[in-house]
Protein backbone atom coordinates (compact mmCIF):
# COMPACT_ATOMS: atom_id res chain seq x y z
CA MET A 1 23.84 -14.93 -0.64
CA LYS A 2 26.43 -13.80 -3.18
CA LEU A 3 26.66 -10.06 -3.72
CA VAL A 4 25.71 -10.17 -7.40
CA LYS A 5 22.49 -12.04 -6.63
CA LEU A 6 21.71 -9.87 -3.60
CA ILE A 7 22.02 -6.63 -5.57
CA ALA A 8 20.17 -8.01 -8.61
CA ASN A 9 17.29 -9.13 -6.35
CA LEU A 10 16.95 -5.51 -5.18
CA GLY A 11 16.15 -4.48 -8.75
CA TYR A 12 19.40 -2.71 -9.64
CA GLY A 13 19.70 -4.76 -12.82
CA SER A 14 20.24 -8.26 -14.11
CA ARG A 15 23.12 -10.30 -12.73
CA LYS A 16 25.04 -9.37 -15.87
CA ASP A 17 24.33 -5.68 -15.19
CA VAL A 18 25.48 -5.98 -11.59
CA SER A 19 28.63 -7.82 -12.60
CA SER A 20 29.41 -4.87 -14.88
CA MET A 21 28.92 -2.49 -11.94
CA PHE A 22 31.55 -4.41 -9.99
CA ARG A 23 34.01 -4.27 -12.92
CA GLU A 24 33.41 -0.51 -13.26
CA GLY A 25 34.19 0.05 -9.57
CA ARG A 26 30.75 1.48 -8.85
CA ILE A 27 30.16 -0.79 -5.85
CA THR A 28 32.10 0.20 -2.74
CA ASP A 29 32.08 0.10 1.04
CA PRO A 30 31.16 3.19 3.12
CA SER A 31 34.74 4.47 2.96
CA GLY A 32 34.78 4.32 -0.84
CA GLU A 33 36.92 1.19 -1.06
CA VAL A 34 35.98 -0.78 -4.19
CA LEU A 35 34.25 -4.08 -3.49
CA TYR A 36 34.49 -7.24 -5.55
CA ALA A 37 31.79 -9.77 -6.31
CA ASP A 38 33.29 -12.43 -4.04
CA ASP A 39 33.79 -10.14 -1.02
CA LYS A 40 32.00 -11.03 2.21
CA VAL A 41 30.27 -7.88 3.48
CA GLY A 42 26.96 -7.09 5.10
CA HIS A 43 24.02 -5.47 3.34
CA TYR A 44 24.41 -2.12 5.07
CA ALA A 45 28.13 -1.91 4.25
CA ILE A 46 27.48 -1.74 0.50
CA ARG A 47 27.25 1.43 -1.57
CA ILE A 48 26.34 1.84 -5.25
CA ASP A 49 27.61 5.09 -6.73
CA GLY A 50 28.12 6.23 -3.15
CA GLU A 51 24.51 5.57 -2.10
CA PRO A 52 23.40 2.91 0.42
CA LEU A 53 21.54 -0.11 -0.89
CA ASP A 54 17.78 -0.14 -0.71
CA PRO A 55 16.37 -2.08 2.27
CA PRO A 56 16.64 -5.87 2.05
CA ALA A 57 13.73 -8.25 1.60
CA GLY A 58 11.06 -7.44 4.15
CA LEU A 59 10.53 -3.91 2.81
CA THR A 60 7.16 -2.37 3.65
CA LEU A 61 6.06 1.13 2.69
CA MET A 62 3.08 3.46 2.82
CA LEU A 63 2.13 5.25 -0.40
CA HIS A 64 -0.28 8.17 -0.69
CA LYS A 65 -1.92 7.11 -3.94
CA PRO A 66 -3.36 9.94 -6.01
CA THR A 67 -6.37 9.41 -8.25
CA GLY A 68 -5.59 8.34 -11.80
CA TYR A 69 -3.18 5.54 -10.86
CA THR A 70 -3.87 1.80 -11.08
CA CYS A 71 -2.69 -0.79 -8.54
CA SER A 72 -1.07 -2.93 -11.21
CA THR A 73 2.30 -3.75 -12.72
CA LYS A 74 0.84 -3.78 -16.24
CA ASP A 75 -1.59 -1.12 -17.41
CA PRO A 76 -1.62 1.18 -20.45
CA GLY A 77 -2.07 4.16 -18.15
CA ARG A 78 -0.33 5.31 -14.99
CA VAL A 79 0.45 2.69 -12.32
CA ILE A 80 1.47 3.04 -8.69
CA TYR A 81 5.01 1.83 -9.49
CA ASP A 82 5.51 5.05 -11.47
CA LEU A 83 5.54 6.83 -8.09
CA LEU A 84 8.40 4.69 -6.71
CA PRO A 85 12.07 4.29 -7.65
CA PRO A 86 12.06 2.31 -10.95
CA ARG A 87 14.05 -0.57 -9.47
CA PHE A 88 11.36 -1.20 -6.83
CA ARG A 89 9.13 -2.94 -9.40
CA LEU A 90 12.04 -5.27 -10.27
CA ARG A 91 12.69 -6.53 -6.75
CA SER A 92 12.62 -10.25 -6.01
CA PRO A 93 10.54 -11.14 -4.08
CA ILE A 94 8.13 -8.74 -5.78
CA LEU A 95 6.87 -5.61 -4.03
CA SER A 96 3.08 -6.00 -4.02
CA SER A 97 0.22 -3.74 -3.00
CA VAL A 98 -1.67 -4.93 0.07
CA GLY A 99 -5.15 -4.97 -1.40
CA ARG A 100 -6.11 -2.36 -3.99
CA LEU A 101 -7.58 1.06 -4.47
CA ASP A 102 -9.38 1.64 -7.75
CA ARG A 103 -8.10 4.22 -10.21
CA GLU A 104 -10.38 7.01 -8.94
CA THR A 105 -9.78 6.36 -5.23
CA SER A 106 -6.95 8.17 -3.45
CA GLY A 107 -5.28 7.61 -0.13
CA MET A 108 -3.29 5.14 1.89
CA LEU A 109 -1.89 2.10 0.13
CA LEU A 110 0.47 -0.32 1.83
CA MET A 111 3.06 -2.23 -0.21
CA THR A 112 5.37 -5.04 0.88
CA ASP A 113 7.56 -7.86 -0.37
CA ASP A 114 6.90 -9.80 2.85
CA GLY A 115 4.31 -12.40 1.88
CA ALA A 116 3.56 -13.42 5.45
CA LEU A 117 2.91 -9.81 6.48
CA LEU A 118 0.72 -9.22 3.43
CA HIS A 119 -1.49 -12.19 4.29
CA ARG A 120 -1.61 -11.18 7.95
CA ILE A 121 -2.92 -7.72 6.99
CA VAL A 122 -5.56 -8.90 4.50
CA SER A 123 -6.70 -11.88 6.58
CA PRO A 124 -10.34 -11.57 7.67
CA LYS A 125 -9.15 -12.59 11.14
CA ALA A 126 -7.15 -9.37 11.43
CA ARG A 127 -10.30 -7.23 11.15
CA LEU A 128 -8.18 -4.15 10.53
CA ALA A 129 -10.37 -1.07 10.40
CA LYS A 130 -10.08 0.98 7.21
CA VAL A 131 -11.40 4.54 7.13
CA TYR A 132 -12.72 6.05 3.89
CA GLU A 133 -13.56 9.73 3.51
CA THR A 134 -16.43 10.23 1.05
CA THR A 135 -17.88 13.10 -0.94
CA LEU A 136 -21.42 12.32 -2.05
CA ALA A 137 -23.53 13.49 -4.97
CA GLN A 138 -26.66 13.93 -2.83
CA ASP A 139 -27.41 14.78 0.78
CA LEU A 140 -27.53 11.85 3.16
CA ARG A 141 -31.04 10.65 3.98
CA GLY A 142 -30.29 10.23 7.67
CA ASP A 143 -30.80 6.49 8.06
CA GLU A 144 -27.55 5.34 6.42
CA GLY A 145 -25.62 5.05 9.69
CA ALA A 146 -28.15 2.67 11.21
CA LEU A 147 -28.33 0.61 8.02
CA PHE A 148 -24.56 0.27 7.68
CA ALA A 149 -24.19 -0.62 11.37
CA SER A 150 -26.95 -3.24 11.31
CA GLY A 151 -24.97 -6.04 9.69
CA THR A 152 -27.98 -6.80 7.48
CA LEU A 153 -27.14 -4.90 4.30
CA VAL A 154 -26.75 -7.23 1.31
CA LEU A 155 -25.14 -5.73 -1.77
CA GLU A 156 -26.48 -6.34 -5.25
CA SER A 157 -25.34 -9.69 -6.73
CA GLU A 158 -24.24 -10.95 -3.30
CA ASP A 159 -25.84 -13.30 -0.77
CA THR A 160 -23.87 -12.58 2.41
CA PRO A 161 -24.67 -9.49 4.51
CA LEU A 162 -21.93 -6.98 5.11
CA ALA A 163 -20.20 -6.81 8.46
CA PRO A 164 -21.34 -3.85 10.55
CA ALA A 165 -19.69 -0.59 9.48
CA GLN A 166 -19.51 2.78 11.24
CA LEU A 167 -20.58 6.00 9.54
CA GLN A 168 -19.45 9.38 10.84
CA VAL A 169 -21.33 12.26 9.22
CA ASN A 170 -19.39 15.50 8.83
CA ASP A 171 -22.03 17.35 6.82
CA PRO A 172 -24.87 16.25 4.52
CA ARG A 173 -22.51 15.34 1.67
CA HIS A 174 -19.31 14.39 3.50
CA ALA A 175 -18.93 11.34 5.73
CA ALA A 176 -16.27 8.90 6.93
CA LEU A 177 -17.04 5.19 6.68
CA THR A 178 -15.07 2.63 8.72
CA LEU A 179 -15.00 -0.94 7.40
CA THR A 180 -13.46 -4.15 8.72
CA GLU A 181 -13.77 -6.07 5.45
CA GLY A 182 -12.89 -5.30 1.86
CA ARG A 183 -15.33 -6.37 -0.82
CA TYR A 184 -15.14 -5.21 -4.41
CA HIS A 185 -15.89 -1.45 -4.64
CA GLN A 186 -17.59 -1.84 -1.27
CA VAL A 187 -17.91 1.80 -0.22
CA ARG A 188 -19.31 2.90 -3.58
CA ARG A 189 -21.76 -0.01 -3.64
CA MET A 190 -22.93 0.65 -0.08
CA PHE A 191 -23.91 4.21 -0.88
CA ALA A 192 -25.39 3.10 -4.20
CA ALA A 193 -27.65 0.78 -2.19
CA THR A 194 -29.07 3.89 -0.49
CA GLY A 195 -29.64 5.67 -3.80
CA ASN A 196 -26.58 7.88 -3.53
CA HIS A 197 -23.36 8.18 -5.54
CA VAL A 198 -19.79 8.59 -4.29
CA GLU A 199 -18.13 11.44 -6.19
CA ALA A 200 -14.78 11.28 -4.39
CA LEU A 201 -13.27 8.56 -2.20
CA HIS A 202 -10.13 8.72 -0.07
CA ARG A 203 -8.70 6.12 2.34
CA SER A 204 -7.17 7.94 5.30
CA ARG A 205 -6.37 5.13 7.75
CA ILE A 206 -5.67 1.42 8.04
CA GLY A 207 -5.61 -0.01 11.54
CA GLY A 208 -3.54 2.30 13.70
CA LEU A 209 -1.75 3.97 10.80
CA ALA A 210 -2.92 7.24 9.25
CA LEU A 211 -1.64 9.15 6.23
CA ASP A 212 -1.26 12.30 8.33
CA ASP A 213 0.74 14.86 6.32
CA LEU A 214 2.24 12.51 3.71
CA PRO A 215 1.69 14.41 0.42
CA ALA A 216 -0.14 12.83 -2.51
CA GLY A 217 2.22 10.83 -4.70
CA GLN A 218 4.80 10.44 -1.90
CA TRP A 219 5.80 7.35 0.07
CA ARG A 220 7.74 6.41 3.18
CA LEU A 221 9.24 3.23 4.55
CA LEU A 222 7.54 1.63 7.54
CA ASP A 223 9.53 0.36 10.50
CA GLU A 224 8.73 -2.14 13.23
CA GLY A 225 7.00 0.54 15.27
CA ASP A 226 4.71 1.39 12.37
CA ILE A 227 3.80 -2.27 11.91
CA ALA A 228 3.04 -2.56 15.63
CA ARG A 229 0.76 0.48 15.42
CA LEU A 230 -0.93 -0.94 12.33
CA PHE A 231 -2.12 -3.98 14.27
CA GLY A 232 -2.54 -2.19 17.56
CA ALA A 233 -5.86 -0.74 16.36
CA ALA A 234 -7.33 -4.00 15.09
CA ALA A 235 -11.01 -4.37 15.92
């Protein structure tokens, strides 16, 4: 791939913009030697304003999504791309969220431009466990765990029962729910079916990956080891 196209696909600007960067001498090798658009160099030997290029196609990251942000590229309010370098939303192939968290749900969100990986993660065959920490408006009744684990609960406006889910009660109004599927607003609707209301919702884990100490609003790149751990905890 020609350097102008490679750099433009990483979101640094249009091909015209990138061509201007070459003319201005802003694109160099690690030693500071100016590169030209027709040079033959590897991805990791390119610098823009002295900084290494972003990772090539195949980028996957973990974002700690705060509440108040939408998993969308177009929204009148705040979107998850506001938390990333601006050029990330301009990458080609596009950097997409792997599934969604609604505006008022915080926690782990995976993003990738690897279409095959995205489909592998969201495939029902993967059965990746997702853990949601909940704060409830009312005390638990006590029978929710058995109901959620039964595989018989049918949500309003649906015909197919939910897959069994595991409930871990921390105290009467705080519990962790582990799912292996992802229906629309599933956690909120499950508790609504028991007469309760979720006041706060946070996703803390997907598969074998946990947010750990990643601060809200921050992100980190995932490597091959992270991806292996992600699938290593599949149900």
